Amino acid sequence: MNILLWIIFGAAAGWLADIIMASSHGLIEDIILGIIGALIGGFIFNAFGAPGVTGFNLYSLIVAVIGAAILIFLGRLIHR
């Protein structure tokens, strides 16, 4: 059950990042972007001395969305 919650959390983060970045990905890509974005966002926040993803809460969702948005931005730079 725990993995299902993380997938839903990743999907929500990826979907919100898609909206913010005006991007259009499918559901699977949103989930992948959200999960990888949570890792990237957690790493970036930890590098600046702030806590990364701390569990299923609003702060962690914001960290994951920021990480996913950065991932989308970097993907656009590489793709062009």
C-alpha atoms as a PDB file:
ATOM      1  CA  MET A   1       0.000   0.000   0.000  1.00  0.00           C
ATOM      2  CA  ASN A   2       2.890   2.354   0.754  1.00  0.00           C
ATOM      3  CA  ILE A   3       4.251   2.162  -2.818  1.00  0.00           C
ATOM      4  CA  LEU A   4       0.802   3.004  -4.181  1.00  0.00           C
ATOM      5  CA  LEU A   5       0.730   6.157  -2.056  1.00  0.00           C
ATOM      6  CA  TRP A   6       4.168   7.202  -3.330  1.00  0.00           C
ATOM      7  CA  ILE A   7       3.023   6.677  -6.929  1.00  0.00           C
ATOM      8  CA  ILE A   8      -0.045   8.847  -6.293  1.00  0.00           C
ATOM      9  CA  PHE A   9       2.167  11.455  -4.602  1.00  0.00           C
ATOM     10  CA  GLY A  10       4.559  11.407  -7.578  1.00  0.00           C
ATOM     11  CA  ALA A  11       1.693  11.681 -10.033  1.00  0.00           C
ATOM     12  CA  ALA A  12       0.293  14.708  -8.203  1.00  0.00           C
ATOM     13  CA  ALA A  13       3.707  16.394  -8.121  1.00  0.00           C
ATOM     14  CA  GLY A  14       4.354  15.665 -11.811  1.00  0.00           C
ATOM     15  CA  TRP A  15       0.889  16.857 -12.803  1.00  0.00           C
ATOM     16  CA  LEU A  16       1.301  20.125 -10.885  1.00  0.00           C
ATOM     17  CA  ALA A  17       4.743  20.669 -12.419  1.00  0.00           C
ATOM     18  CA  ASP A  18       3.226  20.078 -15.888  1.00  0.00           C
ATOM     19  CA  ILE A  19       0.627  22.760 -15.187  1.00  0.00           C
ATOM     20  CA  ILE A  20       3.194  25.237 -13.863  1.00  0.00           C
ATOM     21  CA  MET A  21       5.602  24.676 -16.761  1.00  0.00           C
ATOM     22  CA  ALA A  22       2.788  24.632 -19.386  1.00  0.00           C
ATOM     23  CA  SER A  23       3.945  21.221 -20.535  1.00  0.00           C
ATOM     24  CA  SER A  24       1.922  18.293 -21.805  1.00  0.00           C
ATOM     25  CA  HIS A  25       2.935  14.812 -20.720  1.00  0.00           C
ATOM     26  CA  GLY A  26       0.952  11.652 -20.173  1.00  0.00           C
ATOM     27  CA  LEU A  27       0.062  10.074 -16.848  1.00  0.00           C
ATOM     28  CA  ILE A  28       3.057   7.715 -16.786  1.00  0.00           C
ATOM     29  CA  GLU A  29       5.448  10.562 -17.567  1.00  0.00           C
ATOM     30  CA  ASP A  30       3.820  12.676 -14.834  1.00  0.00           C
ATOM     31  CA  ILE A  31       4.401   9.905 -12.303  1.00  0.00           C
ATOM     32  CA  ILE A  32       8.018   9.468 -13.374  1.00  0.00           C
ATOM     33  CA  LEU A  33       8.626  13.239 -13.373  1.00  0.00           C
ATOM     34  CA  GLY A  34       7.088  13.547  -9.914  1.00  0.00           C
ATOM     35  CA  ILE A  35       9.123  10.736  -8.382  1.00  0.00           C
ATOM     36  CA  ILE A  36      12.409  11.838  -9.948  1.00  0.00           C
ATOM     37  CA  GLY A  37      11.476  15.445  -9.172  1.00  0.00           C
ATOM     38  CA  ALA A  38      11.083  14.550  -5.510  1.00  0.00           C
ATOM     39  CA  LEU A  39      14.594  13.117  -5.521  1.00  0.00           C
ATOM     40  CA  ILE A  40      16.037  16.156  -7.321  1.00  0.00           C
ATOM     41  CA  GLY A  41      14.109  18.623  -5.164  1.00  0.00           C
ATOM     42  CA  GLY A  42      15.162  16.809  -1.991  1.00  0.00           C
ATOM     43  CA  PHE A  43      18.804  16.864  -3.079  1.00  0.00           C
ATOM     44  CA  ILE A  44      18.672  20.588  -3.950  1.00  0.00           C
ATOM     45  CA  PHE A  45      16.911  21.532  -0.719  1.00  0.00           C
ATOM     46  CA  ASN A  46      19.392  19.463   1.323  1.00  0.00           C
ATOM     47  CA  ALA A  47      22.291  21.176  -0.468  1.00  0.00           C
ATOM     48  CA  PHE A  48      20.965  24.546   0.717  1.00  0.00           C
ATOM     49  CA  GLY A  49      20.452  23.326   4.283  1.00  0.00           C
ATOM     50  CA  ALA A  50      16.663  22.886   4.156  1.00  0.00           C
ATOM     51  CA  PRO A  51      14.974  19.531   4.714  1.00  0.00           C
ATOM     52  CA  GLY A  52      14.043  17.627   1.574  1.00  0.00           C
ATOM     53  CA  VAL A  53      11.037  15.345   1.226  1.00  0.00           C
ATOM     54  CA  THR A  54       9.898  14.558   4.771  1.00  0.00           C
ATOM     55  CA  GLY A  55       6.820  12.417   4.119  1.00  0.00           C
ATOM     56  CA  PHE A  56       3.294  12.862   2.830  1.00  0.00           C
ATOM     57  CA  ASN A  57       2.718  16.540   3.556  1.00  0.00           C
ATOM     58  CA  LEU A  58       2.326  19.843   1.722  1.00  0.00           C
ATOM     59  CA  TYR A  59       5.970  20.821   2.168  1.00  0.00           C
ATOM     60  CA  SER A  60       7.149  17.593   0.541  1.00  0.00           C
ATOM     61  CA  LEU A  61       4.702  18.094  -2.320  1.00  0.00           C
ATOM     62  CA  ILE A  62       6.130  21.576  -2.924  1.00  0.00           C
ATOM     63  CA  VAL A  63       9.690  20.179  -2.888  1.00  0.00           C
ATOM     64  CA  ALA A  64       8.680  17.466  -5.377  1.00  0.00           C
ATOM     65  CA  VAL A  65       6.906  19.957  -7.658  1.00  0.00           C
ATOM     66  CA  ILE A  66       9.943  22.264  -7.666  1.00  0.00           C
ATOM     67  CA  GLY A  67      12.203  19.316  -8.492  1.00  0.00           C
ATOM     68  CA  ALA A  68       9.890  18.130 -11.275  1.00  0.00           C
ATOM     69  CA  ALA A  69       9.669  21.668 -12.700  1.00  0.00           C
ATOM     70  CA  ILE A  70      13.477  21.848 -12.749  1.00  0.00           C
ATOM     71  CA  LEU A  71      13.546  18.465 -14.491  1.00  0.00           C
ATOM     72  CA  ILE A  72      11.070  19.682 -17.144  1.00  0.00           C
ATOM     73  CA  PHE A  73      13.125  22.866 -17.637  1.00  0.00           C
ATOM     74  CA  LEU A  74      16.362  20.889 -18.064  1.00  0.00           C
ATOM     75  CA  GLY A  75      14.617  18.505 -20.455  1.00  0.00           C
ATOM     76  CA  ARG A  76      13.527  21.436 -22.598  1.00  0.00           C
ATOM     77  CA  LEU A  77      17.085  22.811 -22.665  1.00  0.00           C
ATOM     78  CA  ILE A  78      18.517  19.469 -23.741  1.00  0.00           C
ATOM     79  CA  HIS A  79      15.764  18.770 -26.276  1.00  0.00           C
ATOM     80  CA  ARG A  80      16.320  22.084 -28.075  1.00  0.00           C
END
